[in-house]
C-alpha atoms as a PDB file:
ATOM      1  CA  MET A   1      55.968 131.938 -69.676  1.00  0.00           C
ATOM      2  CA  PRO A   2      54.694 128.880 -71.402  1.00  0.00           C
ATOM      3  CA  ALA A   3      53.088 129.476 -74.925  1.00  0.00           C
ATOM      4  CA  THR A   4      49.821 127.429 -73.392  1.00  0.00           C
ATOM      5  CA  PRO A   5      49.206 128.082 -69.881  1.00  0.00           C
ATOM      6  CA  PHE A   6      48.032 125.136 -67.759  1.00  0.00           C
ATOM      7  CA  VAL A   7      44.184 124.977 -67.160  1.00  0.00           C
ATOM      8  CA  LEU A   8      42.447 122.264 -64.974  1.00  0.00           C
ATOM      9  CA  PRO A   9      40.756 119.822 -67.502  1.00  0.00           C
ATOM     10  CA  LYS A  10      37.117 120.446 -68.464  1.00  0.00           C
ATOM     11  CA  PRO A  11      35.634 117.474 -66.367  1.00  0.00           C
ATOM     12  CA  ILE A  12      37.292 118.473 -63.169  1.00  0.00           C
ATOM     13  CA  GLY A  13      36.324 122.179 -63.791  1.00  0.00           C
ATOM     14  CA  ASN A  14      32.586 120.816 -64.211  1.00  0.00           C
ATOM     15  CA  PHE A  15      32.916 118.703 -60.916  1.00  0.00           C
ATOM     16  CA  LEU A  16      34.365 121.537 -59.164  1.00  0.00           C
ATOM     17  CA  GLY A  17      31.792 124.017 -60.251  1.00  0.00           C
ATOM     18  CA  ARG A  18      28.860 122.077 -58.721  1.00  0.00           C
ATOM     19  CA  LEU A  19      30.425 122.064 -55.322  1.00  0.00           C
ATOM     20  CA  PRO A  20      29.187 124.629 -52.758  1.00  0.00           C
ATOM     21  CA  THR A  21      31.426 127.686 -52.713  1.00  0.00           C
ATOM     22  CA  TYR A  22      30.786 128.946 -49.268  1.00  0.00           C
ATOM     23  CA  PRO A  23      33.064 126.434 -47.341  1.00  0.00           C
ATOM     24  CA  GLY A  24      35.788 127.622 -50.171  1.00  0.00           C
ATOM     25  CA  SER A  25      35.291 130.942 -49.282  1.00  0.00           C
ATOM     26  CA  MET A  26      35.902 130.101 -45.655  1.00  0.00           C
ATOM     27  CA  LEU A  27      39.081 128.354 -46.728  1.00  0.00           C
ATOM     28  CA  LEU A  28      40.194 131.575 -48.515  1.00  0.00           C
ATOM     29  CA  VAL A  29      39.548 133.931 -45.603  1.00  0.00           C
ATOM     30  CA  LEU A  30      41.492 131.659 -43.495  1.00  0.00           C
ATOM     31  CA  GLY A  31      44.471 131.822 -45.748  1.00  0.00           C
ATOM     32  CA  LEU A  32      44.240 135.731 -46.454  1.00  0.00           C
ATOM     33  CA  ASN A  33      43.776 136.229 -42.692  1.00  0.00           C
ATOM     34  CA  VAL A  34      46.826 134.192 -41.945  1.00  0.00           C
ATOM     35  CA  ALA A  35      48.949 135.727 -44.737  1.00  0.00           C
ATOM     36  CA  LEU A  36      47.586 139.187 -45.377  1.00  0.00           C
ATOM     37  CA  ALA A  37      45.272 140.723 -42.717  1.00  0.00           C
ATOM     38  CA  LYS A  38      48.007 141.758 -40.234  1.00  0.00           C
ATOM     39  CA  GLN A  39      49.979 143.657 -42.822  1.00  0.00           C
ATOM     40  CA  LEU A  40      47.129 145.887 -43.998  1.00  0.00           C
ATOM     41  CA  THR A  41      47.491 149.324 -42.716  1.00  0.00           C
ATOM     42  CA  PRO A  42      44.367 151.290 -41.392  1.00  0.00           C
ATOM     43  CA  ASP A  43      43.893 153.394 -44.425  1.00  0.00           C
ATOM     44  CA  VAL A  44      43.679 150.316 -46.613  1.00  0.00           C
ATOM     45  CA  THR A  45      41.209 148.509 -44.229  1.00  0.00           C
ATOM     46  CA  GLN A  46      38.917 151.619 -44.106  1.00  0.00           C
ATOM     47  CA  MET A  47      38.734 151.553 -47.856  1.00  0.00           C
ATOM     48  CA  LEU A  48      37.836 147.891 -47.811  1.00  0.00           C
ATOM     49  CA  VAL A  49      34.868 148.089 -45.077  1.00  0.00           C
ATOM     50  CA  GLY A  50      31.721 147.356 -46.838  1.00  0.00           C
ATOM     51  CA  LYS A  51      33.159 146.082 -50.153  1.00  0.00           C
ATOM     52  CA  LYS A  52      32.209 142.668 -51.420  1.00  0.00           C
ATOM     53  CA  LEU A  53      34.887 141.007 -53.057  1.00  0.00           C
ATOM     54  CA  ARG A  54      34.956 138.095 -55.315  1.00  0.00           C
ATOM     55  CA  LEU A  55      37.648 135.529 -56.709  1.00  0.00           C
ATOM     56  CA  CYS A  56      36.704 133.694 -59.760  1.00  0.00           C
ATOM     57  CA  VAL A  57      38.701 130.825 -60.438  1.00  0.00           C
ATOM     58  CA  THR A  58      37.744 130.560 -64.118  1.00  0.00           C
ATOM     59  CA  ASP A  59      38.833 126.794 -65.055  1.00  0.00           C
ATOM     60  CA  ALA A  60      37.363 125.520 -61.833  1.00  0.00           C
ATOM     61  CA  GLN A  61      34.054 127.351 -62.364  1.00  0.00           C
ATOM     62  CA  SER A  62      34.006 128.826 -59.026  1.00  0.00           C
ATOM     63  CA  ALA A  63      33.794 131.951 -57.345  1.00  0.00           C
ATOM     64  CA  PHE A  64      34.535 132.892 -53.863  1.00  0.00           C
ATOM     65  CA  ASP A  65      32.918 135.940 -51.990  1.00  0.00           C
ATOM     66  CA  PHE A  66      34.289 137.590 -48.992  1.00  0.00           C
ATOM     67  CA  GLU A  67      34.616 141.125 -47.614  1.00  0.00           C
ATOM     68  CA  TRP A  68      36.423 142.956 -44.684  1.00  0.00           C
ATOM     69  CA  ARG A  69      34.612 143.291 -41.316  1.00  0.00           C
ATOM     70  CA  ASP A  70      35.498 143.547 -37.791  1.00  0.00           C
ATOM     71  CA  GLY A  71      39.323 143.520 -38.355  1.00  0.00           C
ATOM     72  CA  ARG A  72      39.537 140.593 -40.573  1.00  0.00           C
ATOM     73  CA  PHE A  73      38.360 138.968 -43.961  1.00  0.00           C
ATOM     74  CA  MET A  74      35.123 137.192 -43.697  1.00  0.00           C
ATOM     75  CA  ALA A  75      33.465 134.701 -45.986  1.00  0.00           C
ATOM     76  CA  CYS A  76      30.022 135.921 -47.326  1.00  0.00           C
ATOM     77  CA  GLN A  77      27.178 134.703 -49.530  1.00  0.00           C
ATOM     78  CA  ASN A  78      26.780 137.605 -52.011  1.00  0.00           C
ATOM     79  CA  THR A  79      24.108 136.844 -54.418  1.00  0.00           C
ATOM     80  CA  ALA A  80      24.516 140.410 -56.268  1.00  0.00           C
ATOM     81  CA  ALA A  81      27.426 141.662 -58.239  1.00  0.00           C
ATOM     82  CA  ALA A  82      30.485 142.155 -56.147  1.00  0.00           C
ATOM     83  CA  ASP A  83      32.268 145.358 -55.870  1.00  0.00           C
ATOM     84  CA  LEU A  84      35.427 143.858 -57.307  1.00  0.00           C
ATOM     85  CA  THR A  85      35.831 140.571 -59.103  1.00  0.00           C
ATOM     86  CA  ILE A  86      39.314 139.160 -59.859  1.00  0.00           C
ATOM     87  CA  SER A  87      39.142 136.436 -62.336  1.00  0.00           C
ATOM     88  CA  ALA A  88      41.785 133.938 -63.298  1.00  0.00           C
ATOM     89  CA  SER A  89      42.710 130.244 -63.785  1.00  0.00           C
ATOM     90  CA  ALA A  90      43.750 128.419 -60.647  1.00  0.00           C
ATOM     91  CA  HIS A  91      47.262 128.015 -61.947  1.00  0.00           C
ATOM     92  CA  ASP A  92      47.622 131.767 -62.481  1.00  0.00           C
ATOM     93  CA  PHE A  93      46.359 132.498 -58.863  1.00  0.00           C
ATOM     94  CA  VAL A  94      48.871 129.938 -57.601  1.00  0.00           C
ATOM     95  CA  LEU A  95      51.576 131.949 -59.852  1.00  0.00           C
ATOM     96  CA  LEU A  96      50.776 135.154 -58.330  1.00  0.00           C
ATOM     97  CA  ALA A  97      50.537 133.719 -54.612  1.00  0.00           C
ATOM     98  CA  ARG A  98      54.007 132.418 -55.234  1.00  0.00           C
ATOM     99  CA  ARG A  99      55.185 135.658 -56.769  1.00  0.00           C
ATOM    100  CA  LYS A 100      56.251 133.680 -59.985  1.00  0.00           C
ATOM    101  CA  GLU A 101      54.454 136.055 -62.115  1.00  0.00           C
ATOM    102  CA  ASP A 102      53.164 139.719 -62.110  1.00  0.00           C
ATOM    103  CA  PRO A 103      49.750 140.669 -62.132  1.00  0.00           C
ATOM    104  CA  ASP A 104      50.319 143.436 -64.836  1.00  0.00           C
ATOM    105  CA  THR A 105      51.714 140.518 -67.038  1.00  0.00           C
ATOM    106  CA  LEU A 106      48.757 138.263 -66.657  1.00  0.00           C
ATOM    107  CA  PHE A 107      46.393 141.103 -67.028  1.00  0.00           C
ATOM    108  CA  PHE A 108      47.784 142.432 -70.578  1.00  0.00           C
ATOM    109  CA  ASN A 109      48.046 138.745 -71.592  1.00  0.00           C
ATOM    110  CA  ARG A 110      44.367 138.464 -70.682  1.00  0.00           C
ATOM    111  CA  ARG A 111      44.872 135.801 -68.063  1.00  0.00           C
ATOM    112  CA  LEU A 112      43.790 138.100 -64.956  1.00  0.00           C
ATOM    113  CA  ALA A 113      40.613 140.225 -65.158  1.00  0.00           C
ATOM    114  CA  MET A 114      39.248 142.783 -62.986  1.00  0.00           C
ATOM    115  CA  GLN A 115      35.638 144.091 -63.054  1.00  0.00           C
ATOM    116  CA  GLY A 116      33.688 146.328 -60.769  1.00  0.00           C
ATOM    117  CA  ASP A 117      35.299 149.253 -58.833  1.00  0.00           C
ATOM    118  CA  THR A 118      38.563 150.242 -60.860  1.00  0.00           C
ATOM    119  CA  GLU A 119      39.727 152.328 -57.760  1.00  0.00           C
ATOM    120  CA  LEU A 120      39.143 149.314 -55.402  1.00  0.00           C
ATOM    121  CA  GLY A 121      40.879 147.200 -58.058  1.00  0.00           C
ATOM    122  CA  LEU A 122      44.005 149.465 -57.904  1.00  0.00           C
ATOM    123  CA  LEU A 123      43.888 149.750 -54.289  1.00  0.00           C
ATOM    124  CA  VAL A 124      43.850 145.910 -53.990  1.00  0.00           C
ATOM    125  CA  LYS A 125      46.826 145.674 -56.556  1.00  0.00           C
ATOM    126  CA  ASN A 126      49.052 148.117 -55.274  1.00  0.00           C
ATOM    127  CA  THR A 127      48.490 146.943 -51.580  1.00  0.00           C
ATOM    128  CA  ILE A 128      49.449 143.457 -52.344  1.00  0.00           C
ATOM    129  CA  ASP A 129      52.398 144.597 -54.596  1.00  0.00           C
ATOM    130  CA  ALA A 130      53.876 146.873 -51.613  1.00  0.00           C
ATOM    131  CA  ILE A 131      53.520 144.249 -48.941  1.00  0.00           C
ATOM    132  CA  GLU A 132      56.476 141.892 -48.249  1.00  0.00           C
ATOM    133  CA  LEU A 133      54.708 138.730 -48.579  1.00  0.00           C
ATOM    134  CA  PRO A 134      56.700 135.333 -48.089  1.00  0.00           C
ATOM    135  CA  MET A 135      56.409 133.232 -51.279  1.00  0.00           C
ATOM    136  CA  LEU A 136      53.486 131.143 -50.600  1.00  0.00           C
ATOM    137  CA  ASP A 137      54.959 129.501 -47.469  1.00  0.00           C
ATOM    138  CA  LEU A 138      54.057 125.869 -47.453  1.00  0.00           C
ATOM    139  CA  GLU A 139      54.323 125.621 -43.803  1.00  0.00           C
ATOM    140  CA  GLN A 140      51.303 127.644 -43.394  1.00  0.00           C
ATOM    141  CA  LEU A 141      49.460 125.049 -45.301  1.00  0.00           C
ATOM    142  CA  LYS A 142      50.276 122.112 -42.975  1.00  0.00           C
ATOM    143  CA  PRO A 143      47.099 120.482 -41.737  1.00  0.00           C
ATOM    144  CA  SER A 144      48.138 121.162 -38.054  1.00  0.00           C
ATOM    145  CA  HIS A 145      48.641 124.822 -38.712  1.00  0.00           C
ATOM    146  CA  VAL A 146      45.428 125.216 -40.622  1.00  0.00           C
ATOM    147  CA  LEU A 147      43.328 123.397 -38.089  1.00  0.00           C
ATOM    148  CA  SER A 148      45.029 125.440 -35.331  1.00  0.00           C
ATOM    149  CA  GLN A 149      43.923 128.531 -37.108  1.00  0.00           C
ATOM    150  CA  ALA A 150      40.476 127.250 -37.853  1.00  0.00           C
ATOM    151  CA  ARG A 151      40.135 126.322 -34.170  1.00  0.00           C
ATOM    152  CA  THR A 152      41.069 129.778 -33.058  1.00  0.00           C
ATOM    153  CA  HIS A 153      38.591 131.324 -35.528  1.00  0.00           C
ATOM    154  CA  PHE A 154      36.020 129.172 -34.551  1.00  0.00           C
ATOM    155  CA  ARG A 155      36.503 129.940 -30.544  1.00  0.00           C
ATOM    156  CA  SER A 156      36.140 133.830 -31.686  1.00  0.00           C
ATOM    157  CA  LEU A 157      32.817 133.074 -33.375  1.00  0.00           C
ATOM    158  CA  LEU A 158      31.538 131.095 -30.459  1.00  0.00           C
ATOM    159  CA  GLY A 159      32.861 133.518 -28.030  1.00  0.00           C
ATOM    160  CA  GLY A 160      30.444 133.352 -25.214  1.00  0.00           C
ATOM    161  CA  PHE A 161      29.210 129.654 -25.422  1.00  0.00           C
ATOM    162  CA  ARG A 162      30.878 127.306 -23.195  1.00  0.00           C
ATOM    163  CA  ALA A 163      30.918 123.455 -23.086  1.00  0.00           C
ATOM    164  CA  ARG A 164      29.375 121.577 -20.499  1.00  0.00           C
END
């Protein structure tokens, strides 16, 4: 592990912190639904219902709020404290997603923080550890794949509407 972990330069973090977070939350839940939602067991999803989750990207000065509802992760605009907040730098979140770093190591090195419901935090951590996730499959980030997933998601939202 490098002595000084990478963090976004402060001017970039300041800029990103001024952007609206809801569109970012929508992109986050799209990724979570593609990579994770189908692998969650019913007992885990039952415990997630009604819980507000927040990811704070510390160096980007951004927070993304979401919840589990109707069988998938959904972006939400949460003005209150979240039930669980997980905070780290953008680089550390990428390391976690790519399975290049262990969450316990980052936690004990004070690079990953969890606040809120301890039981929920352990559930999230243990669930992610137990799932066989591919190492950040970059194919899933191709614009054609992301747009296809977004189109499917928006069609499900618009359900009964028909184009003329």
